Structure formats: structure tokens, C-alpha cells
Amino acid sequence: PDCHVQPGRGNQLPGRPTRRLYCAARLLLETYVERFASMEVDAIFLLGDTLDPATPEELDWLNSLIERSAVPIHAITGNHEVYGPVSLEEFHLALGLPPHGNHVVKVNDVPFLMLATTHMDSLAPGSAGFSWLESTLSASHPADNLFCCAHLSLLLHPCVQGWNNDGTQILWAADDILALLHRHPNVRAWIAGHKNVPSKLIHHGVLHLLSPQLIQTPCAYRLLDIHQDGLLSQVHPINEQDIATWSDQAQGSSYHHRLGHPEDRNFWWTWAIPP
């Protein structure tokens, strides 16, 4: 998640230490879309802030990337896409999504609820987004394992507590959404972007997950292998360590904090299968 491809930045390499490798974002995303195809992954999920911001030209580039990818790419909006001239509805329509952005994709018959959480007030009770989530969960088959994907989180992960909490970590309606998820025991995970330190929390049987980004320490990606009774998570550093080292050097005392805990990177997590 959170690739932050910016207008006017081509496939460049950094010339000095910098926390986020904006200049290499386009290069890294293009490289890993191609590499994932050779790894035979089933889908690629971009959980917002892919474009920073979205412009007509960058949208054309993203559409082209999606169309030529050998692996299906599923994208949702973050908060940065709408900082530019493209509206939220225009972004969604350009990618062939409903105007509101909320939709379901299936990967090997596993449903993923793709949620548009561009703003902190997204999915508030009474909103169209909350109603969509509520009705979609209610219409699901109890035997289906459901996975919710969003840009923003529902829980305050340890990696963004204290001085790391800038106030934009969790949705304002998080408690209401958590209560809704709790009524549907076949919801297995809430997978978020925005904060890109490998992290996991378990809340009432639901896995809440944050993943790394390609352009900032640990300059990595997360692979999920989903089974009927659980999932396997593995975090892999990018191969381009000559690029990643520029971000590592810029982190200073924050370096180890950004790596997350080993048990949050690589783990096997199971759930009970209903009788």
C-alpha cells in the first residue's frame, strides 16, 4: 500500500538519504507488479495513496499499469488521491468502480470488501458507505470468510501510539464499525494502509493488519496465503537494497521502530470453521 507516485517524477533513483523514496515510487511499483506475476500471486491490493495526488495523467498511467498487469490489481482510494484536481467520484469511475468506490472483489472465491475511506468521517453511521457495508455483510453467506480492505484503520496500533499518533490513524466511526463486524463472525480481517509499519492486532476474533510500503523502511511488501481455516503472512524486503538503504539511513533512531515486531511480520493465524 501507499506507493505515493507523484506527478512529474519519473523512474529515478535517490541521490541522498530520504525517508520516503518518492523519486523511485513509480519504478518500484512497476517493477513489483511485474515481479509478482513471476511469483504467481493471485492478486495485488493497493490500499490507497497509490497516487499522490491523482491527476488525469497519473490516472491514465495507473489504468495502463492495471490493464497490462498479468495479475489482477485491486485499488481503493486513500487520503492523498483527492489532494489534486481529480474528485473522488472521477477516480472511482476512471478505474471502473462505482461512484462511491465501495465494491466486492473475489480472489479464488474469497470475498474482499473494498472500502473507500478517504476521510476520517468515512463509513459513519447513517452514511451511504456504512449502509453499503452493513447490507453487504448481511447478504454474505455465513460460510464465506470475509476480508475488509480500507485505507484507514479501526484500532490504534502500537506503532502509532504516543508521539507517533498524528490524529489521523483511525476512522471516527471505528467503534460503530467494530460493533457491526462483531455481529458477523465470518469477518476474518480488516486490512489497512496509511500507516506502513508491519503490525497486527486481534480484536474479537478479527485480525487488524498494517503492512509495509515499498518506498520507506522497511521497504517491503506483505504476502498473504489464505486458507479455509487461516492465513499465512510473510513480509519480504525488496530486492533493491541499494535503493532501500537511502530510506534506512534517513530514519535515524526511528529505524528499528519501523521494522515492527517479528511476530507481526511472519505468522500463521487461524480461525474456527463453523460446523
Foldseek 3Di string as FASTA:
>chain_A
DQLAAEPPQDCDFDPFFDFFGNNHSVVVVLVVLAVVVVVVDAEAEAAANSYQEDDVVVLVVVLVSQVPRPHHYHYEHAQRNPPDDAHQQNSQVSNVHHSQRWDWDAGVNAIETEAHPNDLQPLAPPDPRVVVVLVVLVPDDLQHQYEYEHAAFLDDFPLCPDPNPPPRHHRPRSVVVVVSVLVRLSHAEYEHEPQAAQTWDADNNHIYTHHHDCGGPVNWGWDWDDDSWWIWIAIDHDPPVVRHVSSLVVCPPCRVSRHDDPCSHTDIDGDDRDD
